[in-house]
Amino acid sequence: MSNEERVATNLRTLLILEAVAQADAPLSPTEINREIGLPKQSIHRLCQTLVDEGFLIRDVRGKKLQPAPRTLKIAQGLFASRQINIARHQILMNVSAATKETVNFVVPELDGMTYLDRVETDWIFRIELPIGSRVPFHCTASGKCYLASLDDKTRALLINTIQFEQRTPNTITTPEQLHEEVEQIRSRGYAIDNEELFRGMIALAVPVPDADGRFSAALAFHGPTQRLNRDKLIEHLDTLRQNAATLTTLLD
């Protein structure tokens, strides 16, 4: 089976689950197919696969299909995840209200940090990094915060793979400089982007550990140097730390 065929089969399977989940009563494969429009043989085969895998079960007569506990468990998990996302976003809103700047929830990926959630400042002049934006480890507050959370061996391996693109005159450009910076971050518990990613933008980040104390994300805020300097960033350090602790409770 080609990749295209696999994608098509997966999509059809999801459409079947969607049709069954939205129905007020169990559905037969024929009734499901009125929404999807597949060949008769295909719809029966896919429905049987979903029964075999525990996503659908047959009704008492054995002719119609309804969601199985496995599907209901997935739905419950998605609902819980949505509730967590709403609570997380509200926390970011509270931090933005306190700092009057853009606040970000940033997670590590293989090749950088990704903005998973954010709340924009009300200021007209602002620096926008949309949700989903990916930024380097070495020149961002969140990235350096993540590096500081790693054990010495893992951090050294990761730093040795970084391509030290110089984004501004302040960007760290050598492994030695980055190791020194990260050691300072480990000691003080927060990281600063001092116009290292963009000229005219500074940021502060603190770690958001999970319930076991492992790094899960960074909570950060940034703004233009016309409004912020290092001292003004630090004024909000306690706010960030307190809200990072609240975020940790959502991960428990």
C-alpha atoms as a PDB file:
ATOM      1  CA  MET A   1       0.000   0.000   0.000  1.00  0.00           C
ATOM      2  CA  SER A   2       1.382   3.415  -0.972  1.00  0.00           C
ATOM      3  CA  ASN A   3       1.550   6.380   1.416  1.00  0.00           C
ATOM      4  CA  GLU A   4      -1.316   8.020  -0.460  1.00  0.00           C
ATOM      5  CA  GLU A   5      -3.467   4.907  -0.046  1.00  0.00           C
ATOM      6  CA  ARG A   6      -2.654   4.741   3.678  1.00  0.00           C
ATOM      7  CA  VAL A   7      -3.646   8.387   4.153  1.00  0.00           C
ATOM      8  CA  ALA A   8      -6.918   7.807   2.274  1.00  0.00           C
ATOM      9  CA  THR A   9      -7.711   4.720   4.371  1.00  0.00           C
ATOM     10  CA  ASN A  10      -6.952   6.552   7.627  1.00  0.00           C
ATOM     11  CA  LEU A  11      -9.174   9.444   6.583  1.00  0.00           C
ATOM     12  CA  ARG A  12     -12.047   7.107   5.714  1.00  0.00           C
ATOM     13  CA  THR A  13     -11.637   5.376   9.066  1.00  0.00           C
ATOM     14  CA  LEU A  14     -11.862   8.714  10.877  1.00  0.00           C
ATOM     15  CA  LEU A  15     -14.960   9.635   8.867  1.00  0.00           C
ATOM     16  CA  ILE A  16     -16.614   6.380   9.949  1.00  0.00           C
ATOM     17  CA  LEU A  17     -15.826   7.079  13.601  1.00  0.00           C
ATOM     18  CA  GLU A  18     -17.108  10.635  13.237  1.00  0.00           C
ATOM     19  CA  ALA A  19     -20.385   9.453  11.694  1.00  0.00           C
ATOM     20  CA  VAL A  20     -20.973   6.893  14.451  1.00  0.00           C
ATOM     21  CA  ALA A  21     -19.998   9.324  17.218  1.00  0.00           C
ATOM     22  CA  GLN A  22     -22.389  12.021  15.978  1.00  0.00           C
ATOM     23  CA  ALA A  23     -25.363   9.689  15.529  1.00  0.00           C
ATOM     24  CA  ASP A  24     -28.182   9.543  18.071  1.00  0.00           C
ATOM     25  CA  ALA A  25     -28.453   5.768  17.673  1.00  0.00           C
ATOM     26  CA  PRO A  26     -26.357   2.849  16.391  1.00  0.00           C
ATOM     27  CA  LEU A  27     -25.808   2.821  12.621  1.00  0.00           C
ATOM     28  CA  SER A  28     -25.456   0.047  10.092  1.00  0.00           C
ATOM     29  CA  PRO A  29     -22.554   0.176   7.608  1.00  0.00           C
ATOM     30  CA  THR A  30     -25.074   1.159   4.921  1.00  0.00           C
ATOM     31  CA  GLU A  31     -26.337   4.060   7.033  1.00  0.00           C
ATOM     32  CA  ILE A  32     -22.763   5.154   7.753  1.00  0.00           C
ATOM     33  CA  ASN A  33     -21.970   5.042   4.061  1.00  0.00           C
ATOM     34  CA  ARG A  34     -24.717   7.535   3.244  1.00  0.00           C
ATOM     35  CA  GLU A  35     -22.421  10.134   4.804  1.00  0.00           C
ATOM     36  CA  ILE A  36     -19.189   8.838   3.280  1.00  0.00           C
ATOM     37  CA  GLY A  37     -19.979   7.284  -0.080  1.00  0.00           C
ATOM     38  CA  LEU A  38     -17.519   4.371  -0.276  1.00  0.00           C
ATOM     39  CA  PRO A  39     -17.821   1.140  -2.239  1.00  0.00           C
ATOM     40  CA  LYS A  40     -19.951  -1.356  -0.284  1.00  0.00           C
ATOM     41  CA  GLN A  41     -17.059  -3.775   0.150  1.00  0.00           C
ATOM     42  CA  SER A  42     -14.775  -1.035   1.511  1.00  0.00           C
ATOM     43  CA  ILE A  43     -17.218   0.282   4.095  1.00  0.00           C
ATOM     44  CA  HIS A  44     -17.914  -3.197   5.444  1.00  0.00           C
ATOM     45  CA  ARG A  45     -14.191  -4.000   5.590  1.00  0.00           C
ATOM     46  CA  LEU A  46     -13.286  -0.785   7.432  1.00  0.00           C
ATOM     47  CA  CYS A  47     -16.174  -1.167   9.878  1.00  0.00           C
ATOM     48  CA  GLN A  48     -15.123  -4.722  10.654  1.00  0.00           C
ATOM     49  CA  THR A  49     -11.537  -3.551  11.229  1.00  0.00           C
ATOM     50  CA  LEU A  50     -12.779  -0.945  13.715  1.00  0.00           C
ATOM     51  CA  VAL A  51     -14.761  -3.639  15.522  1.00  0.00           C
ATOM     52  CA  ASP A  52     -11.769  -5.971  15.571  1.00  0.00           C
ATOM     53  CA  GLU A  53      -9.532  -3.228  16.977  1.00  0.00           C
ATOM     54  CA  GLY A  54     -12.019  -2.303  19.684  1.00  0.00           C
ATOM     55  CA  PHE A  55     -13.079   1.141  18.433  1.00  0.00           C
ATOM     56  CA  LEU A  56     -16.662   0.096  17.574  1.00  0.00           C
ATOM     57  CA  ILE A  57     -19.006  -2.512  19.007  1.00  0.00           C
ATOM     58  CA  ARG A  58     -22.170  -4.038  17.589  1.00  0.00           C
ATOM     59  CA  ASP A  59     -25.574  -3.483  19.162  1.00  0.00           C
ATOM     60  CA  VAL A  60     -27.556  -6.289  20.781  1.00  0.00           C
ATOM     61  CA  ARG A  61     -28.820  -7.493  17.394  1.00  0.00           C
ATOM     62  CA  GLY A  62     -25.308  -7.530  15.980  1.00  0.00           C
ATOM     63  CA  LYS A  63     -26.217  -5.501  12.902  1.00  0.00           C
ATOM     64  CA  LYS A  64     -25.534  -1.892  13.863  1.00  0.00           C
ATOM     65  CA  LEU A  65     -22.466  -0.157  15.237  1.00  0.00           C
ATOM     66  CA  GLN A  66     -21.837   2.208  18.114  1.00  0.00           C
ATOM     67  CA  PRO A  67     -18.735   3.644  19.853  1.00  0.00           C
ATOM     68  CA  ALA A  68     -16.788   1.170  21.976  1.00  0.00           C
ATOM     69  CA  PRO A  69     -15.162   2.029  25.333  1.00  0.00           C
ATOM     70  CA  ARG A  70     -11.835   2.547  23.546  1.00  0.00           C
ATOM     71  CA  THR A  71     -13.327   5.323  21.406  1.00  0.00           C
ATOM     72  CA  LEU A  72     -15.104   6.853  24.386  1.00  0.00           C
ATOM     73  CA  LYS A  73     -11.813   6.884  26.280  1.00  0.00           C
ATOM     74  CA  ILE A  74     -10.169   8.789  23.423  1.00  0.00           C
ATOM     75  CA  ALA A  75     -13.034  11.287  23.411  1.00  0.00           C
ATOM     76  CA  GLN A  76     -12.719  11.792  27.166  1.00  0.00           C
ATOM     77  CA  GLY A  77      -8.991  12.336  26.777  1.00  0.00           C
ATOM     78  CA  LEU A  78      -9.525  14.925  24.059  1.00  0.00           C
ATOM     79  CA  PHE A  79     -12.096  16.723  26.186  1.00  0.00           C
ATOM     80  CA  ALA A  80      -9.755  16.749  29.168  1.00  0.00           C
ATOM     81  CA  SER A  81      -6.955  18.033  26.950  1.00  0.00           C
ATOM     82  CA  ARG A  82      -9.199  20.848  25.728  1.00  0.00           C
ATOM     83  CA  GLN A  83     -10.037  21.796  29.308  1.00  0.00           C
ATOM     84  CA  ILE A  84      -6.329  21.882  30.141  1.00  0.00           C
ATOM     85  CA  ASN A  85      -5.651  24.067  27.095  1.00  0.00           C
ATOM     86  CA  ILE A  86      -8.372  26.506  28.181  1.00  0.00           C
ATOM     87  CA  ALA A  87      -6.940  26.696  31.697  1.00  0.00           C
ATOM     88  CA  ARG A  88      -3.408  27.144  30.333  1.00  0.00           C
ATOM     89  CA  HIS A  89      -4.508  29.968  28.049  1.00  0.00           C
ATOM     90  CA  GLN A  90      -6.229  31.707  30.955  1.00  0.00           C
ATOM     91  CA  ILE A  91      -2.963  31.592  32.911  1.00  0.00           C
ATOM     92  CA  LEU A  92      -1.162  33.173  29.961  1.00  0.00           C
ATOM     93  CA  MET A  93      -3.832  35.867  29.860  1.00  0.00           C
ATOM     94  CA  ASN A  94      -3.209  36.613  33.538  1.00  0.00           C
ATOM     95  CA  VAL A  95       0.542  36.944  32.930  1.00  0.00           C
ATOM     96  CA  SER A  96      -0.057  39.222  29.948  1.00  0.00           C
ATOM     97  CA  ALA A  97      -2.346  41.410  32.034  1.00  0.00           C
ATOM     98  CA  ALA A  98       0.410  41.733  34.648  1.00  0.00           C
ATOM     99  CA  THR A  99       3.278  42.370  32.237  1.00  0.00           C
ATOM    100  CA  LYS A 100       1.315  44.285  29.571  1.00  0.00           C
ATOM    101  CA  GLU A 101       3.307  42.309  26.984  1.00  0.00           C
ATOM    102  CA  THR A 102       3.018  39.222  24.800  1.00  0.00           C
ATOM    103  CA  VAL A 103       3.243  35.948  26.731  1.00  0.00           C
ATOM    104  CA  ASN A 104       4.292  32.594  25.256  1.00  0.00           C
ATOM    105  CA  PHE A 105       4.096  28.910  26.199  1.00  0.00           C
ATOM    106  CA  VAL A 106       7.007  27.308  24.359  1.00  0.00           C
ATOM    107  CA  VAL A 107       7.948  23.627  24.043  1.00  0.00           C
ATOM    108  CA  PRO A 108      11.152  21.958  22.808  1.00  0.00           C
ATOM    109  CA  GLU A 109      11.242  20.115  19.500  1.00  0.00           C
ATOM    110  CA  LEU A 110      14.085  18.324  17.738  1.00  0.00           C
ATOM    111  CA  ASP A 111      15.424  21.419  16.003  1.00  0.00           C
ATOM    112  CA  GLY A 112      14.262  24.305  18.155  1.00  0.00           C
ATOM    113  CA  MET A 113      11.530  25.713  20.373  1.00  0.00           C
ATOM    114  CA  THR A 114       7.914  25.861  19.179  1.00  0.00           C
ATOM    115  CA  TYR A 115       5.299  28.390  20.291  1.00  0.00           C
ATOM    116  CA  LEU A 116       2.408  26.193  21.443  1.00  0.00           C
ATOM    117  CA  ASP A 117       0.245  28.959  22.904  1.00  0.00           C
ATOM    118  CA  ARG A 118       0.430  32.714  23.277  1.00  0.00           C
ATOM    119  CA  VAL A 119      -1.465  35.830  24.323  1.00  0.00           C
ATOM    120  CA  GLU A 120      -0.729  39.012  22.417  1.00  0.00           C
ATOM    121  CA  THR A 121      -0.247  42.386  24.038  1.00  0.00           C
ATOM    122  CA  ASP A 122      -2.769  45.146  23.413  1.00  0.00           C
ATOM    123  CA  TRP A 123      -0.008  47.502  22.320  1.00  0.00           C
ATOM    124  CA  ILE A 124      -0.175  48.454  18.624  1.00  0.00           C
ATOM    125  CA  PHE A 125       3.607  48.177  18.376  1.00  0.00           C
ATOM    126  CA  ARG A 126       4.505  44.556  19.038  1.00  0.00           C
ATOM    127  CA  ILE A 127       6.675  41.763  17.698  1.00  0.00           C
ATOM    128  CA  GLU A 128       4.553  38.887  16.428  1.00  0.00           C
ATOM    129  CA  LEU A 129       5.617  35.234  16.484  1.00  0.00           C
ATOM    130  CA  PRO A 130       2.475  33.224  15.628  1.00  0.00           C
ATOM    131  CA  ILE A 131       1.542  29.959  17.311  1.00  0.00           C
ATOM    132  CA  GLY A 132       3.524  27.221  15.604  1.00  0.00           C
ATOM    133  CA  SER A 133       6.563  29.421  15.000  1.00  0.00           C
ATOM    134  CA  ARG A 134       9.848  27.622  15.609  1.00  0.00           C
ATOM    135  CA  VAL A 135      12.898  29.463  16.926  1.00  0.00           C
ATOM    136  CA  PRO A 136      16.493  28.381  17.673  1.00  0.00           C
ATOM    137  CA  PHE A 137      17.768  27.128  21.014  1.00  0.00           C
ATOM    138  CA  HIS A 138      20.854  29.336  21.200  1.00  0.00           C
ATOM    139  CA  CYS A 139      19.369  32.811  20.782  1.00  0.00           C
ATOM    140  CA  THR A 140      16.039  32.688  22.612  1.00  0.00           C
ATOM    141  CA  ALA A 141      15.169  32.898  26.290  1.00  0.00           C
ATOM    142  CA  SER A 142      12.998  29.780  26.074  1.00  0.00           C
ATOM    143  CA  GLY A 143      15.648  27.816  24.183  1.00  0.00           C
ATOM    144  CA  LYS A 144      18.402  28.656  26.629  1.00  0.00           C
ATOM    145  CA  CYS A 145      16.025  27.872  29.484  1.00  0.00           C
ATOM    146  CA  TYR A 146      15.540  24.405  28.011  1.00  0.00           C
ATOM    147  CA  LEU A 147      19.279  23.867  27.536  1.00  0.00           C
ATOM    148  CA  ALA A 148      19.839  24.751  31.177  1.00  0.00           C
ATOM    149  CA  SER A 149      17.474  21.964  32.226  1.00  0.00           C
ATOM    150  CA  LEU A 150      19.532  19.218  30.543  1.00  0.00           C
ATOM    151  CA  ASP A 151      22.171  17.104  32.209  1.00  0.00           C
ATOM    152  CA  ASP A 152      25.761  17.968  31.296  1.00  0.00           C
ATOM    153  CA  LYS A 153      26.236  15.155  28.783  1.00  0.00           C
ATOM    154  CA  THR A 154      22.967  15.700  26.926  1.00  0.00           C
ATOM    155  CA  ARG A 155      23.457  19.451  26.858  1.00  0.00           C
ATOM    156  CA  ALA A 156      26.985  19.126  25.468  1.00  0.00           C
ATOM    157  CA  LEU A 157      25.780  16.781  22.724  1.00  0.00           C
ATOM    158  CA  LEU A 158      22.958  19.126  21.757  1.00  0.00           C
ATOM    159  CA  ILE A 159      25.080  22.276  21.803  1.00  0.00           C
ATOM    160  CA  ASN A 160      27.648  20.579  19.582  1.00  0.00           C
ATOM    161  CA  THR A 161      24.958  20.046  16.922  1.00  0.00           C
ATOM    162  CA  ILE A 162      23.689  23.631  16.900  1.00  0.00           C
ATOM    163  CA  GLN A 163      24.317  25.765  13.850  1.00  0.00           C
ATOM    164  CA  PHE A 164      25.139  29.107  15.439  1.00  0.00           C
ATOM    165  CA  GLU A 165      23.388  31.426  13.027  1.00  0.00           C
ATOM    166  CA  GLN A 166      24.095  35.029  14.016  1.00  0.00           C
ATOM    167  CA  ARG A 167      20.705  36.710  14.029  1.00  0.00           C
ATOM    168  CA  THR A 168      21.859  40.000  15.596  1.00  0.00           C
ATOM    169  CA  PRO A 169      25.116  41.493  16.926  1.00  0.00           C
ATOM    170  CA  ASN A 170      24.162  40.078  20.368  1.00  0.00           C
ATOM    171  CA  THR A 171      23.628  36.474  19.234  1.00  0.00           C
ATOM    172  CA  ILE A 172      25.809  33.864  20.929  1.00  0.00           C
ATOM    173  CA  THR A 173      27.917  32.323  18.182  1.00  0.00           C
ATOM    174  CA  THR A 174      30.154  29.687  19.840  1.00  0.00           C
ATOM    175  CA  PRO A 175      29.587  26.580  21.970  1.00  0.00           C
ATOM    176  CA  GLU A 176      31.870  28.006  24.657  1.00  0.00           C
ATOM    177  CA  GLN A 177      29.787  31.170  25.004  1.00  0.00           C
ATOM    178  CA  LEU A 178      26.575  29.178  25.129  1.00  0.00           C
ATOM    179  CA  HIS A 179      27.881  26.771  27.785  1.00  0.00           C
ATOM    180  CA  GLU A 180      28.890  29.749  29.945  1.00  0.00           C
ATOM    181  CA  GLU A 181      25.507  31.420  29.486  1.00  0.00           C
ATOM    182  CA  VAL A 182      23.615  28.218  30.269  1.00  0.00           C
ATOM    183  CA  GLU A 183      25.570  27.690  33.495  1.00  0.00           C
ATOM    184  CA  GLN A 184      24.501  31.138  34.651  1.00  0.00           C
ATOM    185  CA  ILE A 185      20.902  30.334  33.765  1.00  0.00           C
ATOM    186  CA  ARG A 186      21.056  27.130  35.788  1.00  0.00           C
ATOM    187  CA  SER A 187      22.253  29.100  38.815  1.00  0.00           C
ATOM    188  CA  ARG A 188      19.677  31.874  38.667  1.00  0.00           C
ATOM    189  CA  GLY A 189      16.698  29.868  37.337  1.00  0.00           C
ATOM    190  CA  TYR A 190      15.672  32.099  34.439  1.00  0.00           C
ATOM    191  CA  ALA A 191      16.880  33.077  30.970  1.00  0.00           C
ATOM    192  CA  ILE A 192      16.976  36.368  29.099  1.00  0.00           C
ATOM    193  CA  ASP A 193      17.048  37.052  25.381  1.00  0.00           C
ATOM    194  CA  ASN A 194      18.978  40.301  25.153  1.00  0.00           C
ATOM    195  CA  GLU A 195      18.161  41.257  21.549  1.00  0.00           C
ATOM    196  CA  GLU A 196      19.688  37.944  20.435  1.00  0.00           C
ATOM    197  CA  LEU A 197      16.893  36.778  18.121  1.00  0.00           C
ATOM    198  CA  PHE A 198      15.668  40.145  16.853  1.00  0.00           C
ATOM    199  CA  ARG A 199      17.106  43.603  17.238  1.00  0.00           C
ATOM    200  CA  GLY A 200      14.912  45.669  19.502  1.00  0.00           C
ATOM    201  CA  MET A 201      13.276  42.681  21.265  1.00  0.00           C
ATOM    202  CA  ILE A 202      14.082  41.284  24.709  1.00  0.00           C
ATOM    203  CA  ALA A 203      12.478  38.415  26.588  1.00  0.00           C
ATOM    204  CA  LEU A 204      12.419  36.589  29.909  1.00  0.00           C
ATOM    205  CA  ALA A 205      11.674  32.864  30.321  1.00  0.00           C
ATOM    206  CA  VAL A 206      11.318  30.465  33.241  1.00  0.00           C
ATOM    207  CA  PRO A 207      10.938  26.675  33.115  1.00  0.00           C
ATOM    208  CA  VAL A 208       7.610  24.912  33.544  1.00  0.00           C
ATOM    209  CA  PRO A 209       8.512  21.515  35.030  1.00  0.00           C
ATOM    210  CA  ASP A 210       6.189  18.543  35.075  1.00  0.00           C
ATOM    211  CA  ALA A 211       5.093  16.838  38.284  1.00  0.00           C
ATOM    212  CA  ASP A 212       8.404  14.937  38.402  1.00  0.00           C
ATOM    213  CA  GLY A 213      10.486  18.083  38.015  1.00  0.00           C
ATOM    214  CA  ARG A 214      11.420  17.500  34.371  1.00  0.00           C
ATOM    215  CA  PHE A 215      11.346  20.369  31.879  1.00  0.00           C
ATOM    216  CA  SER A 216       8.117  20.360  29.884  1.00  0.00           C
ATOM    217  CA  ALA A 217       7.912  23.919  28.568  1.00  0.00           C
ATOM    218  CA  ALA A 218       9.011  27.501  29.089  1.00  0.00           C
ATOM    219  CA  LEU A 219       6.784  30.367  30.141  1.00  0.00           C
ATOM    220  CA  ALA A 220       8.084  33.592  28.617  1.00  0.00           C
ATOM    221  CA  PHE A 221       7.166  37.131  27.747  1.00  0.00           C
ATOM    222  CA  HIS A 222       8.783  39.511  25.291  1.00  0.00           C
ATOM    223  CA  GLY A 223       8.516  43.059  24.097  1.00  0.00           C
ATOM    224  CA  PRO A 224      10.358  45.871  22.343  1.00  0.00           C
ATOM    225  CA  THR A 225      13.262  47.679  23.944  1.00  0.00           C
ATOM    226  CA  GLN A 226      11.303  50.919  23.604  1.00  0.00           C
ATOM    227  CA  ARG A 227       9.165  49.663  26.512  1.00  0.00           C
ATOM    228  CA  LEU A 228      11.362  47.097  28.261  1.00  0.00           C
ATOM    229  CA  ASN A 229      14.844  46.747  29.644  1.00  0.00           C
ATOM    230  CA  ARG A 230      16.499  44.078  31.779  1.00  0.00           C
ATOM    231  CA  ASP A 231      15.345  45.629  35.067  1.00  0.00           C
ATOM    232  CA  LYS A 232      11.731  45.782  33.892  1.00  0.00           C
ATOM    233  CA  LEU A 233      11.915  42.163  32.813  1.00  0.00           C
ATOM    234  CA  ILE A 234      13.132  41.090  36.251  1.00  0.00           C
ATOM    235  CA  GLU A 235      10.314  43.020  37.926  1.00  0.00           C
ATOM    236  CA  HIS A 236       7.953  40.359  36.592  1.00  0.00           C
ATOM    237  CA  LEU A 237      10.113  37.340  37.469  1.00  0.00           C
ATOM    238  CA  ASP A 238       8.010  36.378  40.496  1.00  0.00           C
ATOM    239  CA  THR A 239       4.844  36.615  38.400  1.00  0.00           C
ATOM    240  CA  LEU A 240       6.307  34.249  35.833  1.00  0.00           C
ATOM    241  CA  ARG A 241       7.515  31.802  38.470  1.00  0.00           C
ATOM    242  CA  GLN A 242       4.196  31.744  40.297  1.00  0.00           C
ATOM    243  CA  ASN A 243       2.262  31.122  37.103  1.00  0.00           C
ATOM    244  CA  ALA A 244       4.766  28.517  35.950  1.00  0.00           C
ATOM    245  CA  ALA A 245       4.080  26.670  39.197  1.00  0.00           C
ATOM    246  CA  THR A 246       0.339  26.848  38.455  1.00  0.00           C
ATOM    247  CA  LEU A 247       0.962  25.463  34.979  1.00  0.00           C
ATOM    248  CA  THR A 248       2.830  22.554  36.536  1.00  0.00           C
ATOM    249  CA  THR A 249      -0.313  21.559  38.421  1.00  0.00           C
ATOM    250  CA  LEU A 250      -2.092  21.182  35.059  1.00  0.00           C
ATOM    251  CA  LEU A 251       0.524  18.644  33.984  1.00  0.00           C
ATOM    252  CA  ASP A 252       0.126  16.460  37.076  1.00  0.00           C
END
